[in-house]
Amino acid sequence: MVLEHGYLTLETGEVFEGVLIGSNKESQGEVVFNTSMTGYQEIITDPSYAGQIITFCYPIIGNYGINESDNESIIPALAGVIIGDLCELPSHFQSINSFSEKLKQSGVPGLAGVDTRLLVKTIRSNGTVKGYISKTKLVEIPHNEEAPFWVQQVSTKKMEFFNNNGPHVVLMDYGYKKSILHALLKENCAVTILPYNTPFEKVKSLQPDGVLFSNGPGDPKSLKQLFPEIKKISQLYPTLGICLGHQLIAHAYGARTEKLVFGHRGGNHPVKELSTGKVKITAQNHGYVVVDQSINTNVFEVTYRNVNDQSIEGLKHKAYPIETVQFHPEAHPGPSDTAHILKEFVNQITSMGETHYAIK
C-alpha cells in the first residue's frame, strides 16, 4: 500500500504532518481530543462527534480491529480522525475489519503518524480550534459562514418503537448512542425513539411512563426554540437527561451554558457524588457546561461535580422527578461506576404507581 502524505492545518496557523488514511477527501472540523485508552470504535461512531476531528491521545489505534457489535450509530458523523501509530494487523477473535478500512468505508478521512502529544498540547494552550485535513499545507483554512445544525443531521427522521414487557420510555433523539437504547431494553423497557423536534402534544399522545433526553452534538443554544416544549415534557413525566439532554433541561428551566476551553472527552473523568462524597470515574464527551451561577437553587440541587474543575455534572429538580447527568452512565466506552443511574431511573418510573406498559 502506497502511503500519501497529508496535513492537518489549524486555524491558529500550526501544521501537523502525517500519512493519509481512510477516505480520500479533504475535511474541515473542530479539532478535539479524547483520552480513552480503549473504545476507539465506539468513539468514532458516537453521533456527539458530528462535525469534529478527533485526536486520539492513546499512542496506538487499531490493535484489536473493528467488530460487528460496538458501533454506536450506523453511519459515523465525525469529520476526521488524527492518530499516532496505526495498527493495520489487528488481533482479536471478533475483529472483522481494520481501523483504516472502517474509516474508508464510512467516508471519514484521517491522518496517522502525527505527533498527537504536541497536537493535544497545542489544543490545551489555544483552546478547541478548527482544523482542515488535506493533501497539501494550507496558508489559511476556509471558513464556513454558518455552522451546520448537527442535531438535525444525526437525529432519527421518523418514530421507531422497540417492544418489551416493562414501562414505556420515550427517548428524545438528539444523536443518541445505541448503548443507551440497549441499557433501557436490558431493563425491560419498551422504547419509542422520537425525532429531536417532536412537540409536547405528540409525546403526550404516546402515553409514556418516562422520558429520556439523549446526548448529541453541538451547542445546546441551537435548540432554544424547543426549550418550552422540553420544559412541558419534563414537568409531566419522570425525566432523565444525559449529556446534551442535561444541558437542554437546564436551559429549559432558565439556566445558561458556556463553552469549555477544550472540553471533557474520555473514559477517566472523576466525578464526585455530593450526597455520599464518593468519587465515580466516568465516560464523558462534551464541549459545553452548565454555568454554576445560572442555576436557580430553589428549583435544582447540584448532585455531581467534576473533581478536576468543579463544573456541574448533575442536577436534580426539587419538585419534579427530573434528574440530569453530564457524563454517560451507559459507559460505552468507559467504566460502569454510574450504570446505576439508568437502573434507578427505571425503578423510579415503576414505583410511581400505575404505569402505561407498551402497546402490543
Protein backbone atom coordinates (compact mmCIF):
# COMPACT_ATOMS: atom_id res chain seq x y z
CA MET A 1 0.00 0.00 0.00
CA VAL A 2 1.38 3.38 -1.06
CA LEU A 3 1.08 5.92 1.74
CA GLU A 4 0.36 9.51 0.76
CA HIS A 5 1.41 12.40 2.94
CA GLY A 6 -1.24 14.69 4.33
CA TYR A 7 -1.56 17.65 6.66
CA LEU A 8 -3.74 18.98 9.44
CA THR A 9 -3.77 22.77 9.32
CA LEU A 10 -5.17 24.59 12.37
CA GLU A 11 -6.87 27.97 12.15
CA THR A 12 -4.20 29.26 14.56
CA GLY A 13 -1.51 28.53 11.93
CA GLU A 14 0.08 25.30 13.20
CA VAL A 15 0.54 22.48 10.69
CA PHE A 16 0.86 18.77 11.58
CA GLU A 17 2.13 16.24 9.04
CA GLY A 18 1.18 12.58 8.74
CA VAL A 19 0.04 9.97 6.25
CA LEU A 20 -3.50 9.91 4.89
CA ILE A 21 -5.78 7.05 5.92
CA GLY A 22 -9.46 6.34 5.45
CA SER A 23 -11.47 8.26 2.87
CA ASN A 24 -9.54 10.09 0.16
CA LYS A 25 -11.09 13.51 0.69
CA GLU A 26 -10.43 16.81 2.42
CA SER A 27 -12.36 17.71 5.54
CA GLN A 28 -12.86 20.56 7.99
CA GLY A 29 -14.00 20.39 11.60
CA GLU A 30 -13.47 21.35 15.20
CA VAL A 31 -10.31 19.59 16.43
CA VAL A 32 -10.84 17.89 19.81
CA PHE A 33 -9.03 15.18 21.76
CA ASN A 34 -10.12 12.03 23.61
CA THR A 35 -8.07 10.48 26.40
CA SER A 36 -9.64 6.99 26.35
CA MET A 37 -7.23 4.06 26.20
CA THR A 38 -9.76 1.75 24.52
CA GLY A 39 -13.08 2.06 22.72
CA TYR A 40 -11.98 3.75 19.51
CA GLN A 41 -14.80 2.06 17.57
CA GLU A 42 -17.49 3.40 19.90
CA ILE A 43 -15.87 6.84 19.81
CA ILE A 44 -15.74 7.24 16.03
CA THR A 45 -19.38 6.11 15.74
CA ASP A 46 -20.70 8.36 18.55
CA PRO A 47 -23.09 10.92 16.96
CA SER A 48 -21.98 13.52 19.50
CA TYR A 49 -18.75 13.91 17.48
CA ALA A 50 -20.65 15.16 14.42
CA GLY A 51 -18.53 17.70 12.55
CA GLN A 52 -15.47 17.21 14.76
CA ILE A 53 -11.96 15.91 14.05
CA ILE A 54 -10.99 13.55 16.87
CA THR A 55 -7.42 13.33 18.09
CA PHE A 56 -6.71 10.11 19.99
CA CYS A 57 -4.29 10.63 22.87
CA TYR A 58 -3.56 6.91 23.19
CA PRO A 59 -0.47 6.24 21.05
CA ILE A 60 -1.63 3.17 19.08
CA ILE A 61 -5.05 2.76 17.50
CA GLY A 62 -6.46 -0.25 15.67
CA ASN A 63 -4.75 -3.09 17.54
CA TYR A 64 -7.94 -5.07 18.23
CA GLY A 65 -9.65 -4.16 14.95
CA ILE A 66 -13.32 -3.44 14.31
CA ASN A 67 -16.17 -5.78 15.29
CA GLU A 68 -19.83 -6.08 14.36
CA SER A 69 -21.38 -5.12 17.71
CA ASP A 70 -19.67 -1.98 19.05
CA ASN A 71 -20.93 0.70 16.64
CA GLU A 72 -22.89 3.42 18.44
CA SER A 73 -24.52 4.56 15.19
CA ILE A 74 -24.91 3.16 11.69
CA ILE A 75 -23.13 5.97 9.85
CA PRO A 76 -20.32 7.91 11.63
CA ALA A 77 -20.89 11.66 11.61
CA LEU A 78 -17.41 12.85 12.60
CA ALA A 79 -15.29 14.99 10.25
CA GLY A 80 -11.97 13.20 10.67
CA VAL A 81 -9.53 11.27 12.84
CA ILE A 82 -5.95 12.05 13.92
CA ILE A 83 -3.81 9.28 15.46
CA GLY A 84 -0.21 8.46 16.31
CA ASP A 85 0.61 4.85 15.44
CA LEU A 86 -1.80 2.87 13.24
CA CYS A 87 -2.08 -0.90 13.62
CA GLU A 88 -3.05 -2.48 10.29
CA LEU A 89 -2.80 -6.07 11.53
CA PRO A 90 -5.38 -6.28 14.37
CA SER A 91 -5.56 -9.27 16.68
CA HIS A 92 -8.93 -10.14 18.22
CA PHE A 93 -11.30 -13.05 17.73
CA GLN A 94 -14.21 -10.69 16.96
CA SER A 95 -12.33 -8.49 14.51
CA ILE A 96 -13.82 -8.29 11.00
CA ASN A 97 -12.03 -5.21 9.73
CA SER A 98 -9.11 -2.85 10.28
CA PHE A 99 -9.47 0.66 11.69
CA SER A 100 -8.34 2.37 8.49
CA GLU A 101 -10.71 0.27 6.36
CA LYS A 102 -13.59 1.21 8.68
CA LEU A 103 -12.81 4.90 8.13
CA LYS A 104 -12.64 4.37 4.36
CA GLN A 105 -15.97 2.54 4.24
CA SER A 106 -17.57 5.28 6.37
CA GLY A 107 -16.27 8.13 4.21
CA VAL A 108 -14.14 9.55 7.05
CA PRO A 109 -10.63 10.91 6.33
CA GLY A 110 -7.78 10.62 8.78
CA LEU A 111 -4.11 11.16 9.43
CA ALA A 112 -1.73 8.66 11.04
CA GLY A 113 1.85 9.15 12.20
CA VAL A 114 1.04 12.55 13.70
CA ASP A 115 2.74 13.93 16.81
CA THR A 116 -0.52 13.75 18.77
CA ARG A 117 1.16 14.71 22.03
CA LEU A 118 2.19 18.06 20.55
CA LEU A 119 -1.23 18.49 18.93
CA VAL A 120 -3.03 17.93 22.24
CA LYS A 121 -0.69 20.37 24.00
CA THR A 122 -1.50 22.90 21.27
CA ILE A 123 -5.25 22.45 21.78
CA ARG A 124 -4.83 22.74 25.55
CA SER A 125 -2.91 26.01 25.06
CA ASN A 126 -5.13 27.59 22.40
CA GLY A 127 -8.47 26.01 23.23
CA THR A 128 -10.53 23.99 20.77
CA VAL A 129 -9.79 25.19 17.24
CA LYS A 130 -10.96 24.44 13.72
CA GLY A 131 -8.72 22.34 11.52
CA TYR A 132 -8.51 21.13 7.94
CA ILE A 133 -7.26 17.74 6.71
CA SER A 134 -5.78 17.97 3.23
CA LYS A 135 -3.07 16.67 0.91
CA THR A 136 -1.25 19.99 0.93
CA LYS A 137 -0.23 22.56 3.51
CA LEU A 138 -2.67 25.45 3.66
CA VAL A 139 -1.78 29.06 4.36
CA GLU A 140 -5.32 29.71 5.58
CA ILE A 141 -8.16 27.27 6.13
CA PRO A 142 -11.53 28.05 4.52
CA HIS A 143 -14.32 29.04 6.89
CA ASN A 144 -17.95 28.04 6.81
CA GLU A 145 -20.17 31.11 7.07
CA GLU A 146 -22.69 29.28 9.24
CA ALA A 147 -22.16 26.27 11.49
CA PRO A 148 -24.25 23.25 10.43
CA PHE A 149 -27.17 22.21 12.63
CA TRP A 150 -25.68 18.87 13.63
CA VAL A 151 -28.57 17.61 15.78
CA GLN A 152 -30.90 17.73 12.80
CA GLN A 153 -28.40 15.70 10.77
CA VAL A 154 -27.93 12.89 13.31
CA SER A 155 -31.44 12.63 14.83
CA THR A 156 -33.85 9.99 13.58
CA LYS A 157 -36.23 11.20 10.89
CA LYS A 158 -39.18 9.05 11.99
CA MET A 159 -40.55 7.41 15.12
CA GLU A 160 -39.11 3.98 15.99
CA PHE A 161 -40.61 1.57 18.51
CA PHE A 162 -38.92 -1.30 20.40
CA ASN A 163 -41.39 -3.53 22.22
CA ASN A 164 -40.72 -5.01 25.65
CA ASN A 165 -42.51 -6.14 28.82
CA GLY A 166 -41.81 -3.22 31.12
CA PRO A 167 -42.52 0.51 31.35
CA HIS A 168 -42.68 2.62 28.21
CA VAL A 169 -39.85 5.16 27.83
CA VAL A 170 -39.72 7.85 25.16
CA LEU A 171 -36.14 8.51 24.03
CA MET A 172 -35.84 12.02 22.61
CA ASP A 173 -33.12 11.64 19.99
CA TYR A 174 -30.59 14.45 19.68
CA GLY A 175 -27.96 11.95 18.49
CA TYR A 176 -28.44 9.05 20.89
CA LYS A 177 -25.88 6.29 21.35
CA LYS A 178 -27.03 2.74 20.68
CA SER A 179 -25.81 1.67 24.12
CA ILE A 180 -28.38 3.98 25.80
CA LEU A 181 -31.16 2.20 23.95
CA HIS A 182 -29.68 -1.20 24.82
CA ALA A 183 -29.40 -0.24 28.50
CA LEU A 184 -33.11 0.62 28.58
CA LEU A 185 -34.08 -2.58 26.76
CA LYS A 186 -31.96 -4.57 29.21
CA GLU A 187 -34.12 -3.12 31.99
CA ASN A 188 -37.21 -4.47 30.14
CA CYS A 189 -38.34 -1.03 28.99
CA ALA A 190 -40.32 -0.61 25.81
CA VAL A 191 -38.72 2.31 23.99
CA THR A 192 -40.08 4.80 21.46
CA ILE A 193 -37.37 6.87 19.77
CA LEU A 194 -38.61 10.27 18.60
CA PRO A 195 -37.04 12.98 16.39
CA TYR A 196 -35.42 15.84 18.29
CA ASN A 197 -38.17 18.33 17.42
CA THR A 198 -41.18 16.21 18.44
CA PRO A 199 -43.66 18.54 20.21
CA PHE A 200 -45.13 18.01 23.67
CA GLU A 201 -48.58 17.01 22.39
CA LYS A 202 -47.15 14.21 20.28
CA VAL A 203 -45.15 12.89 23.23
CA LYS A 204 -48.27 13.08 25.42
CA SER A 205 -50.30 11.10 22.87
CA LEU A 206 -47.88 8.17 23.25
CA GLN A 207 -48.61 7.93 26.99
CA PRO A 208 -45.04 7.21 28.10
CA ASP A 209 -44.13 6.30 31.65
CA GLY A 210 -40.89 8.26 31.46
CA VAL A 211 -38.78 10.34 29.07
CA LEU A 212 -35.02 10.29 28.43
CA PHE A 213 -33.37 13.25 26.72
CA SER A 214 -30.29 11.92 24.92
CA ASN A 215 -26.77 13.04 24.21
CA GLY A 216 -25.97 14.82 20.95
CA PRO A 217 -23.60 17.21 19.16
CA GLY A 218 -23.19 20.95 19.10
CA ASP A 219 -24.24 23.99 21.10
CA PRO A 220 -27.42 23.45 23.19
CA LYS A 221 -28.47 27.03 22.41
CA SER A 222 -29.05 25.98 18.79
CA LEU A 223 -32.17 24.22 20.12
CA LYS A 224 -33.54 27.21 22.04
CA GLN A 225 -36.86 27.14 20.17
CA LEU A 226 -37.53 23.75 21.79
CA PHE A 227 -36.86 24.80 25.41
CA PRO A 228 -40.57 25.45 26.20
CA GLU A 229 -41.53 22.01 24.83
CA ILE A 230 -38.75 20.33 26.81
CA LYS A 231 -39.98 22.01 29.99
CA LYS A 232 -43.58 20.88 29.45
CA ILE A 233 -42.50 17.29 28.76
CA SER A 234 -40.23 17.10 31.80
CA GLN A 235 -42.92 18.51 34.12
CA LEU A 236 -45.36 15.76 33.15
CA TYR A 237 -43.15 12.64 33.14
CA PRO A 238 -40.23 11.22 35.15
CA THR A 239 -37.23 12.51 33.23
CA LEU A 240 -33.55 11.69 32.80
CA GLY A 241 -31.21 13.92 30.77
CA ILE A 242 -27.83 12.68 29.57
CA CYS A 243 -25.03 14.97 28.29
CA LEU A 244 -26.71 17.35 25.80
CA GLY A 245 -30.04 16.31 27.35
CA HIS A 246 -28.72 17.54 30.71
CA GLN A 247 -27.82 20.91 29.20
CA LEU A 248 -31.17 21.26 27.40
CA ILE A 249 -33.15 20.62 30.58
CA ALA A 250 -31.03 23.18 32.44
CA HIS A 251 -31.75 25.72 29.69
CA ALA A 252 -35.47 24.90 29.75
CA TYR A 253 -35.57 25.99 33.41
CA GLY A 254 -33.64 29.22 32.88
CA ALA A 255 -30.01 28.22 33.31
CA ARG A 256 -27.19 29.01 30.86
CA THR A 257 -24.37 27.07 29.27
CA GLU A 258 -20.90 28.11 28.14
CA LYS A 259 -18.20 26.50 26.04
CA LEU A 260 -15.26 24.86 27.80
CA VAL A 261 -11.76 25.70 26.63
CA PHE A 262 -11.10 22.19 25.33
CA GLY A 263 -13.96 20.07 26.66
CA HIS A 264 -14.19 16.81 28.58
CA ARG A 265 -13.71 13.76 26.35
CA GLY A 266 -12.51 10.41 27.62
CA GLY A 267 -13.23 7.48 29.89
CA ASN A 268 -11.36 8.58 33.01
CA HIS A 269 -13.08 11.71 34.32
CA PRO A 270 -13.55 11.76 38.12
CA VAL A 271 -16.94 13.00 39.33
CA LYS A 272 -17.97 13.48 42.97
CA GLU A 273 -21.43 12.35 44.07
CA LEU A 274 -22.27 15.12 46.53
CA SER A 275 -24.83 13.14 48.56
CA THR A 276 -22.27 10.47 49.52
CA GLY A 277 -18.90 12.09 48.93
CA LYS A 278 -17.91 9.16 46.74
CA VAL A 279 -15.93 9.74 43.55
CA LYS A 280 -17.00 7.93 40.38
CA ILE A 281 -14.87 7.52 37.27
CA THR A 282 -17.00 8.42 34.26
CA ALA A 283 -17.08 8.46 30.47
CA GLN A 284 -17.60 11.95 29.03
CA ASN A 285 -17.86 13.69 25.68
CA HIS A 286 -18.94 17.32 25.73
CA GLY A 287 -17.69 20.79 24.91
CA TYR A 288 -20.30 22.81 26.84
CA VAL A 289 -21.12 23.03 30.53
CA VAL A 290 -23.97 24.44 32.63
CA VAL A 291 -22.94 27.75 34.22
CA ASP A 292 -22.85 27.40 38.00
CA GLN A 293 -24.20 30.86 38.82
CA SER A 294 -27.15 30.44 36.45
CA ILE A 295 -28.75 27.59 38.42
CA ASN A 296 -31.80 28.55 40.48
CA THR A 297 -31.01 26.74 43.72
CA ASN A 298 -34.67 26.96 44.75
CA VAL A 299 -35.51 24.76 41.76
CA PHE A 300 -32.48 22.49 41.29
CA GLU A 301 -29.84 20.98 43.52
CA VAL A 302 -26.44 20.03 42.14
CA THR A 303 -25.90 16.29 42.53
CA TYR A 304 -22.48 15.75 40.92
CA ARG A 305 -19.38 17.87 40.37
CA ASN A 306 -16.26 17.32 38.29
CA VAL A 307 -13.31 16.73 40.59
CA ASN A 308 -10.83 18.39 38.22
CA ASP A 309 -12.55 21.72 37.51
CA GLN A 310 -15.61 21.67 39.85
CA SER A 311 -18.01 22.07 36.93
CA ILE A 312 -21.60 20.85 37.29
CA GLU A 313 -22.03 17.19 36.35
CA GLY A 314 -25.57 16.52 37.56
CA LEU A 315 -28.82 18.18 38.63
CA LYS A 316 -31.97 17.12 40.47
CA HIS A 317 -35.25 19.05 40.46
CA LYS A 318 -36.67 19.75 43.92
CA ALA A 319 -40.33 19.37 42.94
CA TYR A 320 -40.49 17.17 39.83
CA PRO A 321 -38.90 13.72 39.25
CA ILE A 322 -36.21 15.16 36.96
CA GLU A 323 -32.55 14.18 37.10
CA THR A 324 -29.73 15.02 34.71
CA VAL A 325 -26.10 13.97 34.32
CA GLN A 326 -23.38 15.45 32.13
CA PHE A 327 -21.49 12.15 31.86
CA HIS A 328 -22.55 8.87 30.21
CA PRO A 329 -23.93 6.34 32.72
CA GLU A 330 -24.23 3.67 29.98
CA ALA A 331 -20.43 3.94 29.67
CA HIS A 332 -19.64 2.73 26.17
CA PRO A 333 -16.71 3.04 26.11
CA GLY A 334 -15.70 3.58 29.72
CA PRO A 335 -16.15 2.48 33.33
CA SER A 336 -19.52 1.34 34.71
CA ASP A 337 -19.33 3.22 38.03
CA THR A 338 -22.54 5.14 37.30
CA ALA A 339 -24.58 2.47 35.48
CA HIS A 340 -26.94 2.51 38.49
CA ILE A 341 -28.34 5.86 37.32
CA LEU A 342 -30.23 4.27 34.42
CA LYS A 343 -31.45 1.46 36.69
CA GLU A 344 -32.67 3.99 39.26
CA PHE A 345 -34.47 5.94 36.54
CA VAL A 346 -36.37 2.80 35.50
CA ASN A 347 -37.06 1.87 39.13
CA GLN A 348 -38.44 5.36 39.73
CA ILE A 349 -40.81 5.01 36.80
CA THR A 350 -42.02 1.64 38.04
CA SER A 351 -42.52 2.81 41.60
CA MET A 352 -44.60 5.88 40.72
CA GLY A 353 -47.86 3.95 40.71
CA GLU A 354 -49.82 2.81 37.71
CA THR A 355 -47.73 2.61 34.53
CA HIS A 356 -48.76 2.52 30.91
CA TYR A 357 -47.00 -0.56 29.57
CA ALA A 358 -46.05 -1.00 25.98
CA ILE A 359 -48.76 -1.29 23.36
CA LYS A 360 -48.56 -4.78 22.00
